[in-house]
PDB file of all heavy atoms in Angstrom:
ATOM      1  N   ILE A   1       6.930   0.555   8.797  1.00  0.00           N
ATOM      2  CA  ILE A   1       8.202   0.594   8.094  1.00  0.00           C
ATOM      3  C   ILE A   1       8.263   1.873   7.226  1.00  0.00           C
ATOM      4  O   ILE A   1       7.488   1.992   6.327  1.00  0.00           O
ATOM      5  CB  ILE A   1       8.541  -0.683   7.266  1.00  0.00           C
ATOM      6  CG1 ILE A   1       8.494  -1.897   8.245  1.00  0.00           C
ATOM      7  CG2 ILE A   1       9.772  -0.530   6.474  1.00  0.00           C
ATOM      8  CD1 ILE A   1       8.690  -3.183   7.562  1.00  0.00           C
ATOM      9  N   LYS A   2       9.428   2.515   7.441  1.00  0.00           N
ATOM     10  CA  LYS A   2       9.682   3.763   6.538  1.00  0.00           C
ATOM     11  C   LYS A   2      11.112   3.637   6.076  1.00  0.00           C
ATOM     12  O   LYS A   2      12.086   3.755   7.014  1.00  0.00           O
ATOM     13  CB  LYS A   2       9.579   5.044   7.279  1.00  0.00           C
ATOM     14  CG  LYS A   2       8.137   5.300   7.949  1.00  0.00           C
ATOM     15  CD  LYS A   2       7.129   5.743   6.811  1.00  0.00           C
ATOM     16  CE  LYS A   2       5.879   6.126   7.532  1.00  0.00           C
ATOM     17  NZ  LYS A   2       4.791   5.238   7.302  1.00  0.00           N
ATOM     18  N   HIS A   3      11.396   3.091   4.843  1.00  0.00           N
ATOM     19  CA  HIS A   3      12.770   2.802   4.503  1.00  0.00           C
ATOM     20  C   HIS A   3      12.827   3.044   2.940  1.00  0.00           C
ATOM     21  O   HIS A   3      11.861   2.771   2.315  1.00  0.00           O
ATOM     22  CB  HIS A   3      13.148   1.415   4.818  1.00  0.00           C
ATOM     23  CG  HIS A   3      14.633   1.147   4.650  1.00  0.00           C
ATOM     24  ND1 HIS A   3      15.171   0.772   3.291  1.00  0.00           N
ATOM     25  CD2 HIS A   3      15.676   1.141   5.444  1.00  0.00           C
ATOM     26  CE1 HIS A   3      16.427   0.675   3.499  1.00  0.00           C
ATOM     27  NE2 HIS A   3      16.719   0.793   4.838  1.00  0.00           N
ATOM     28  N   GLN A   4      13.919   3.559   2.466  1.00  0.00           N
ATOM     29  CA  GLN A   4      14.018   3.923   1.078  1.00  0.00           C
ATOM     30  C   GLN A   4      13.861   2.700   0.197  1.00  0.00           C
ATOM     31  O   GLN A   4      13.655   2.810  -1.071  1.00  0.00           O
ATOM     32  CB  GLN A   4      15.414   4.665   0.829  1.00  0.00           C
ATOM     33  CG  GLN A   4      16.655   3.850   1.040  1.00  0.00           C
ATOM     34  CD  GLN A   4      17.829   4.706   0.760  1.00  0.00           C
ATOM     35  OE1 GLN A   4      17.830   5.921   0.522  1.00  0.00           O
ATOM     36  NE2 GLN A   4      19.005   4.059   0.703  1.00  0.00           N
ATOM     37  N   TYR A   5      14.238   1.472   0.586  1.00  0.00           N
ATOM     38  CA  TYR A   5      14.154   0.369  -0.240  1.00  0.00           C
ATOM     39  C   TYR A   5      12.952  -0.560   0.097  1.00  0.00           C
ATOM     40  O   TYR A   5      12.894  -1.695  -0.429  1.00  0.00           O
ATOM     41  CB  TYR A   5      15.446  -0.577   0.078  1.00  0.00           C
ATOM     42  CG  TYR A   5      16.726   0.216  -0.395  1.00  0.00           C
ATOM     43  CD1 TYR A   5      17.698   0.458   0.519  1.00  0.00           C
ATOM     44  CD2 TYR A   5      16.830   0.684  -1.706  1.00  0.00           C
ATOM     45  CE1 TYR A   5      18.812   1.211   0.048  1.00  0.00           C
ATOM     46  CE2 TYR A   5      17.903   1.406  -2.085  1.00  0.00           C
ATOM     47  CZ  TYR A   5      18.962   1.715  -1.214  1.00  0.00           C
ATOM     48  OH  TYR A   5      20.121   2.275  -1.540  1.00  0.00           O
ATOM     49  N   VAL A   6      12.036  -0.062   0.747  1.00  0.00           N
ATOM     50  CA  VAL A   6      10.762  -0.690   0.990  1.00  0.00           C
ATOM     51  C   VAL A   6       9.634   0.107   0.475  1.00  0.00           C
ATOM     52  O   VAL A   6       9.480   1.211   0.612  1.00  0.00           O
ATOM     53  CB  VAL A   6      10.565  -1.055   2.508  1.00  0.00           C
ATOM     54  CG1 VAL A   6       9.176  -1.637   2.727  1.00  0.00           C
ATOM     55  CG2 VAL A   6      11.684  -1.789   3.147  1.00  0.00           C
ATOM     56  N   VAL A   7       8.670  -0.521  -0.255  1.00  0.00           N
ATOM     57  CA  VAL A   7       7.588   0.118  -0.876  1.00  0.00           C
ATOM     58  C   VAL A   7       6.811   0.853   0.259  1.00  0.00           C
ATOM     59  O   VAL A   7       6.401   0.267   1.313  1.00  0.00           O
ATOM     60  CB  VAL A   7       6.709  -0.788  -1.572  1.00  0.00           C
ATOM     61  CG1 VAL A   7       5.344  -0.188  -2.035  1.00  0.00           C
ATOM     62  CG2 VAL A   7       7.367  -1.343  -2.835  1.00  0.00           C
ATOM     63  N   GLY A   8       6.368   2.164   0.021  1.00  0.00           N
ATOM     64  CA  GLY A   8       5.681   2.885   1.093  1.00  0.00           C
ATOM     65  C   GLY A   8       4.319   2.522   1.207  1.00  0.00           C
ATOM     66  O   GLY A   8       3.532   2.245   0.161  1.00  0.00           O
ATOM     67  N   PHE A   9       3.796   2.434   2.414  1.00  0.00           N
ATOM     68  CA  PHE A   9       2.344   2.209   2.689  1.00  0.00           C
ATOM     69  C   PHE A   9       1.581   3.597   2.697  1.00  0.00           C
ATOM     70  O   PHE A   9       2.049   4.448   3.479  1.00  0.00           O
ATOM     71  CB  PHE A   9       2.310   1.512   4.096  1.00  0.00           C
ATOM     72  CG  PHE A   9       0.860   1.289   4.606  1.00  0.00           C
ATOM     73  CD1 PHE A   9       0.260   0.041   4.177  1.00  0.00           C
ATOM     74  CD2 PHE A   9       0.180   2.131   5.373  1.00  0.00           C
ATOM     75  CE1 PHE A   9      -1.027  -0.191   4.587  1.00  0.00           C
ATOM     76  CE2 PHE A   9      -1.100   1.880   5.824  1.00  0.00           C
ATOM     77  CZ  PHE A   9      -1.744   0.643   5.438  1.00  0.00           C
ATOM     78  N   ASN A  10       0.483   3.605   2.162  1.00  0.00           N
ATOM     79  CA  ASN A  10      -0.370   4.825   2.141  1.00  0.00           C
ATOM     80  C   ASN A  10      -1.516   4.643   3.047  1.00  0.00           C
ATOM     81  O   ASN A  10      -1.632   5.321   4.096  1.00  0.00           O
ATOM     82  CB  ASN A  10      -0.984   5.107   0.801  1.00  0.00           C
ATOM     83  CG  ASN A  10       0.138   5.705  -0.091  1.00  0.00           C
ATOM     84  OD1 ASN A  10       1.206   6.176   0.287  1.00  0.00           O
ATOM     85  ND2 ASN A  10      -0.069   5.463  -1.456  1.00  0.00           N
ATOM     86  N   HIS A  11      -2.377   3.691   2.782  1.00  0.00           N
ATOM     87  CA  HIS A  11      -3.538   3.490   3.752  1.00  0.00           C
ATOM     88  C   HIS A  11      -4.282   2.075   3.236  1.00  0.00           C
ATOM     89  O   HIS A  11      -3.876   1.520   2.286  1.00  0.00           O
ATOM     90  CB  HIS A  11      -4.537   4.501   3.830  1.00  0.00           C
ATOM     91  CG  HIS A  11      -5.337   4.877   2.502  1.00  0.00           C
ATOM     92  ND1 HIS A  11      -4.784   5.479   1.423  1.00  0.00           N
ATOM     93  CD2 HIS A  11      -6.576   4.441   2.204  1.00  0.00           C
ATOM     94  CE1 HIS A  11      -5.607   5.504   0.472  1.00  0.00           C
ATOM     95  NE2 HIS A  11      -6.677   4.931   0.794  1.00  0.00           N
ATOM     96  N   PHE A  12      -5.229   1.670   4.094  1.00  0.00           N
ATOM     97  CA  PHE A  12      -5.978   0.561   3.726  1.00  0.00           C
ATOM     98  C   PHE A  12      -7.482   0.779   4.084  1.00  0.00           C
ATOM     99  O   PHE A  12      -7.733   1.645   5.007  1.00  0.00           O
ATOM    100  CB  PHE A  12      -5.525  -0.664   4.301  1.00  0.00           C
ATOM    101  CG  PHE A  12      -5.943  -0.940   5.710  1.00  0.00           C
ATOM    102  CD1 PHE A  12      -6.965  -1.910   5.825  1.00  0.00           C
ATOM    103  CD2 PHE A  12      -5.433  -0.396   6.716  1.00  0.00           C
ATOM    104  CE1 PHE A  12      -7.466  -2.165   7.171  1.00  0.00           C
ATOM    105  CE2 PHE A  12      -5.787  -0.706   8.017  1.00  0.00           C
ATOM    106  CZ  PHE A  12      -6.888  -1.602   8.224  1.00  0.00           C
ATOM    107  N   PHE A  13      -8.405   0.002   3.459  1.00  0.00           N
ATOM    108  CA  PHE A  13      -9.840   0.039   3.965  1.00  0.00           C
ATOM    109  C   PHE A  13     -10.403  -1.266   3.333  1.00  0.00           C
ATOM    110  O   PHE A  13      -9.767  -2.014   2.634  1.00  0.00           O
ATOM    111  CB  PHE A  13     -10.581   1.229   3.418  1.00  0.00           C
ATOM    112  CG  PHE A  13     -10.971   1.302   1.912  1.00  0.00           C
ATOM    113  CD1 PHE A  13     -12.143   0.736   1.504  1.00  0.00           C
ATOM    114  CD2 PHE A  13      -9.938   1.782   0.956  1.00  0.00           C
ATOM    115  CE1 PHE A  13     -12.339   0.710   0.149  1.00  0.00           C
ATOM    116  CE2 PHE A  13     -10.322   1.794  -0.375  1.00  0.00           C
ATOM    117  CZ  PHE A  13     -11.459   1.227  -0.709  1.00  0.00           C
ATOM    118  N   GLU A  14     -11.597  -1.547   3.915  1.00  0.00           N
ATOM    119  CA  GLU A  14     -12.227  -2.737   3.419  1.00  0.00           C
ATOM    120  C   GLU A  14     -13.718  -2.448   3.271  1.00  0.00           C
ATOM    121  O   GLU A  14     -14.338  -1.628   3.810  1.00  0.00           O
ATOM    122  CB  GLU A  14     -12.074  -3.969   4.503  1.00  0.00           C
ATOM    123  CG  GLU A  14     -12.536  -3.604   5.950  1.00  0.00           C
ATOM    124  CD  GLU A  14     -12.261  -4.620   6.919  1.00  0.00           C
ATOM    125  OE1 GLU A  14     -12.805  -5.834   6.755  1.00  0.00           O
ATOM    126  OE2 GLU A  14     -11.260  -4.429   7.699  1.00  0.00           O
ATOM    127  N   ASP A  15     -14.303  -3.322   2.410  1.00  0.00           N
ATOM    128  CA  ASP A  15     -15.704  -3.302   2.162  1.00  0.00           C
ATOM    129  C   ASP A  15     -16.200  -4.675   2.540  1.00  0.00           C
ATOM    130  O   ASP A  15     -15.436  -5.552   3.001  1.00  0.00           O
ATOM    131  CB  ASP A  15     -16.120  -2.711   0.828  1.00  0.00           C
ATOM    132  CG  ASP A  15     -15.651  -3.550  -0.311  1.00  0.00           C
ATOM    133  OD1 ASP A  15     -15.254  -4.750  -0.103  1.00  0.00           O
ATOM    134  OD2 ASP A  15     -15.560  -3.109  -1.473  1.00  0.00           O
ATOM    135  N   LYS A  16     -17.466  -4.969   2.106  1.00  0.00           N
ATOM    136  CA  LYS A  16     -18.131  -6.246   2.232  1.00  0.00           C
ATOM    137  C   LYS A  16     -17.343  -7.477   1.785  1.00  0.00           C
ATOM    138  O   LYS A  16     -17.198  -8.512   2.243  1.00  0.00           O
ATOM    139  CB  LYS A  16     -19.471  -6.370   1.823  1.00  0.00           C
ATOM    140  CG  LYS A  16     -20.480  -5.772   2.766  1.00  0.00           C
ATOM    141  CD  LYS A  16     -21.971  -5.834   2.274  1.00  0.00           C
ATOM    142  CE  LYS A  16     -22.179  -6.729   1.142  1.00  0.00           C
ATOM    143  NZ  LYS A  16     -23.528  -6.779   0.672  1.00  0.00           N
ATOM    144  N   GLU A  17     -16.643  -7.215   0.557  1.00  0.00           N
ATOM    145  CA  GLU A  17     -16.116  -8.280  -0.211  1.00  0.00           C
ATOM    146  C   GLU A  17     -14.559  -8.276  -0.228  1.00  0.00           C
ATOM    147  O   GLU A  17     -13.987  -9.355  -0.383  1.00  0.00           O
ATOM    148  CB  GLU A  17     -16.578  -8.257  -1.600  1.00  0.00           C
ATOM    149  CG  GLU A  17     -18.100  -8.441  -1.700  1.00  0.00           C
ATOM    150  CD  GLU A  17     -18.691  -8.177  -3.051  1.00  0.00           C
ATOM    151  OE1 GLU A  17     -17.867  -7.921  -4.018  1.00  0.00           O
ATOM    152  OE2 GLU A  17     -19.943  -8.328  -3.261  1.00  0.00           O
ATOM    153  N   ASP A  18     -13.951  -7.118  -0.068  1.00  0.00           N
ATOM    154  CA  ASP A  18     -12.528  -7.100  -0.334  1.00  0.00           C
ATOM    155  C   ASP A  18     -11.840  -6.246   0.794  1.00  0.00           C
ATOM    156  O   ASP A  18     -12.367  -5.335   1.429  1.00  0.00           O
ATOM    157  CB  ASP A  18     -12.207  -6.455  -1.672  1.00  0.00           C
ATOM    158  CG  ASP A  18     -12.758  -7.275  -2.828  1.00  0.00           C
ATOM    159  OD1 ASP A  18     -12.500  -8.548  -2.870  1.00  0.00           O
ATOM    160  OD2 ASP A  18     -13.525  -6.689  -3.618  1.00  0.00           O
ATOM    161  N   VAL A  19     -10.422  -6.403   0.915  1.00  0.00           N
ATOM    162  CA  VAL A  19      -9.586  -5.593   1.638  1.00  0.00           C
ATOM    163  C   VAL A  19      -8.671  -4.786   0.577  1.00  0.00           C
ATOM    164  O   VAL A  19      -8.077  -5.575  -0.206  1.00  0.00           O
ATOM    165  CB  VAL A  19      -8.784  -6.279   2.643  1.00  0.00           C
ATOM    166  CG1 VAL A  19      -7.804  -5.355   3.453  1.00  0.00           C
ATOM    167  CG2 VAL A  19      -9.644  -7.016   3.723  1.00  0.00           C
ATOM    168  N   TYR A  20      -8.461  -3.541   0.756  1.00  0.00           N
ATOM    169  CA  TYR A  20      -7.643  -2.851  -0.196  1.00  0.00           C
ATOM    170  C   TYR A  20      -6.563  -2.242   0.496  1.00  0.00           C
ATOM    171  O   TYR A  20      -6.691  -1.432   1.435  1.00  0.00           O
ATOM    172  CB  TYR A  20      -8.517  -1.662  -0.829  1.00  0.00           C
ATOM    173  CG  TYR A  20      -9.797  -2.076  -1.584  1.00  0.00           C
ATOM    174  CD1 TYR A  20     -10.973  -2.348  -0.956  1.00  0.00           C
ATOM    175  CD2 TYR A  20      -9.738  -2.387  -2.926  1.00  0.00           C
ATOM    176  CE1 TYR A  20     -12.056  -2.739  -1.542  1.00  0.00           C
ATOM    177  CE2 TYR A  20     -10.881  -2.793  -3.568  1.00  0.00           C
ATOM    178  CZ  TYR A  20     -12.022  -2.966  -3.000  1.00  0.00           C
ATOM    179  OH  TYR A  20     -13.196  -3.507  -3.545  1.00  0.00           O
ATOM    180  N   ILE A  21      -5.348  -2.489   0.082  1.00  0.00           N
ATOM    181  CA  ILE A  21      -4.098  -1.870   0.662  1.00  0.00           C
ATOM    182  C   ILE A  21      -3.504  -1.095  -0.417  1.00  0.00           C
ATOM    183  O   ILE A  21      -2.995  -1.593  -1.500  1.00  0.00           O
ATOM    184  CB  ILE A  21      -3.208  -3.084   1.139  1.00  0.00           C
ATOM    185  CG1 ILE A  21      -3.822  -4.067   2.114  1.00  0.00           C
ATOM    186  CG2 ILE A  21      -1.832  -2.506   1.794  1.00  0.00           C
ATOM    187  CD1 ILE A  21      -3.097  -5.305   2.282  1.00  0.00           C
ATOM    188  N   PHE A  22      -3.292   0.234  -0.133  1.00  0.00           N
ATOM    189  CA  PHE A  22      -2.771   1.202  -1.062  1.00  0.00           C
ATOM    190  C   PHE A  22      -1.360   1.458  -0.731  1.00  0.00           C
ATOM    191  O   PHE A  22      -0.982   1.798   0.420  1.00  0.00           O
ATOM    192  CB  PHE A  22      -3.584   2.517  -0.965  1.00  0.00           C
ATOM    193  CG  PHE A  22      -5.010   2.270  -1.751  1.00  0.00           C
ATOM    194  CD1 PHE A  22      -6.081   1.895  -0.983  1.00  0.00           C
ATOM    195  CD2 PHE A  22      -5.069   2.533  -3.045  1.00  0.00           C
ATOM    196  CE1 PHE A  22      -7.176   1.707  -1.610  1.00  0.00           C
ATOM    197  CE2 PHE A  22      -6.254   2.473  -3.733  1.00  0.00           C
ATOM    198  CZ  PHE A  22      -7.378   1.942  -2.961  1.00  0.00           C
ATOM    199  N   LEU A  23      -0.469   1.328  -1.756  1.00  0.00           N
ATOM    200  CA  LEU A  23       1.005   1.412  -1.563  1.00  0.00           C
ATOM    201  C   LEU A  23       1.620   2.297  -2.462  1.00  0.00           C
ATOM    202  O   LEU A  23       0.957   2.698  -3.677  1.00  0.00           O
ATOM    203  CB  LEU A  23       1.537  -0.040  -1.885  1.00  0.00           C
ATOM    204  CG  LEU A  23       1.120  -1.122  -0.895  1.00  0.00           C
ATOM    205  CD1 LEU A  23       1.485  -2.520  -1.498  1.00  0.00           C
ATOM    206  CD2 LEU A  23       1.509  -0.967   0.541  1.00  0.00           C
ATOM    207  N   GLU A  24       2.854   2.691  -2.292  1.00  0.00           N
ATOM    208  CA  GLU A  24       3.570   3.563  -3.295  1.00  0.00           C
ATOM    209  C   GLU A  24       3.653   2.787  -4.615  1.00  0.00           C
ATOM    210  O   GLU A  24       3.912   1.463  -4.599  1.00  0.00           O
ATOM    211  CB  GLU A  24       4.925   3.806  -2.673  1.00  0.00           C
ATOM    212  CG  GLU A  24       5.958   4.373  -3.613  1.00  0.00           C
ATOM    213  CD  GLU A  24       7.301   4.463  -2.929  1.00  0.00           C
ATOM    214  OE1 GLU A  24       7.574   3.783  -1.889  1.00  0.00           O
ATOM    215  OE2 GLU A  24       8.150   5.031  -3.546  1.00  0.00           O
ATOM    216  N   LEU A  25       3.542   3.430  -5.644  1.00  0.00           N
ATOM    217  CA  LEU A  25       3.645   2.725  -6.923  1.00  0.00           C
ATOM    218  C   LEU A  25       5.080   2.806  -7.398  1.00  0.00           C
ATOM    219  O   LEU A  25       5.687   3.827  -7.574  1.00  0.00           O
ATOM    220  CB  LEU A  25       2.731   3.470  -8.083  1.00  0.00           C
ATOM    221  CG  LEU A  25       2.843   2.892  -9.488  1.00  0.00           C
ATOM    222  CD1 LEU A  25       2.206   1.519  -9.462  1.00  0.00           C
ATOM    223  CD2 LEU A  25       2.085   3.776 -10.479  1.00  0.00           C
ATOM    224  N   CYS A  26       5.690   1.619  -7.710  1.00  0.00           N
ATOM    225  CA  CYS A  26       7.060   1.599  -8.264  1.00  0.00           C
ATOM    226  C   CYS A  26       7.088   1.343  -9.642  1.00  0.00           C
ATOM    227  O   CYS A  26       6.438   0.298 -10.113  1.00  0.00           O
ATOM    228  CB  CYS A  26       7.753   0.386  -7.540  1.00  0.00           C
ATOM    229  SG  CYS A  26       7.805   0.582  -5.659  1.00  0.00           S
ATOM    230  N   GLN A  27       7.604   2.176 -10.402  1.00  0.00           N
ATOM    231  CA  GLN A  27       7.578   2.151 -11.852  1.00  0.00           C
ATOM    232  C   GLN A  27       9.026   1.725 -12.376  1.00  0.00           C
ATOM    233  O   GLN A  27       9.982   2.210 -11.780  1.00  0.00           O
ATOM    234  CB  GLN A  27       7.156   3.396 -12.606  1.00  0.00           C
ATOM    235  CG  GLN A  27       5.698   3.608 -12.198  1.00  0.00           C
ATOM    236  CD  GLN A  27       5.226   4.883 -12.841  1.00  0.00           C
ATOM    237  OE1 GLN A  27       5.967   5.710 -13.344  1.00  0.00           O
ATOM    238  NE2 GLN A  27       3.806   5.049 -12.807  1.00  0.00           N
ATOM    239  N   SER A  28       9.177   0.874 -13.339  1.00  0.00           N
ATOM    240  CA  SER A  28      10.473   0.438 -13.865  1.00  0.00           C
ATOM    241  C   SER A  28      11.062   1.480 -14.829  1.00  0.00           C
ATOM    242  O   SER A  28      10.419   2.365 -15.313  1.00  0.00           O
ATOM    243  CB  SER A  28      10.411  -0.845 -14.350  1.00  0.00           C
ATOM    244  OG  SER A  28       9.412  -0.981 -15.398  1.00  0.00           O
TER     245      SER A  28
END
């Protein structure tokens, strides 16, 4: 999804314990 009203996706990765999903930072 690429849309101006949806937080942008950067990438993801995982290690033994966690899954990390990196997204656009929305600041108020």
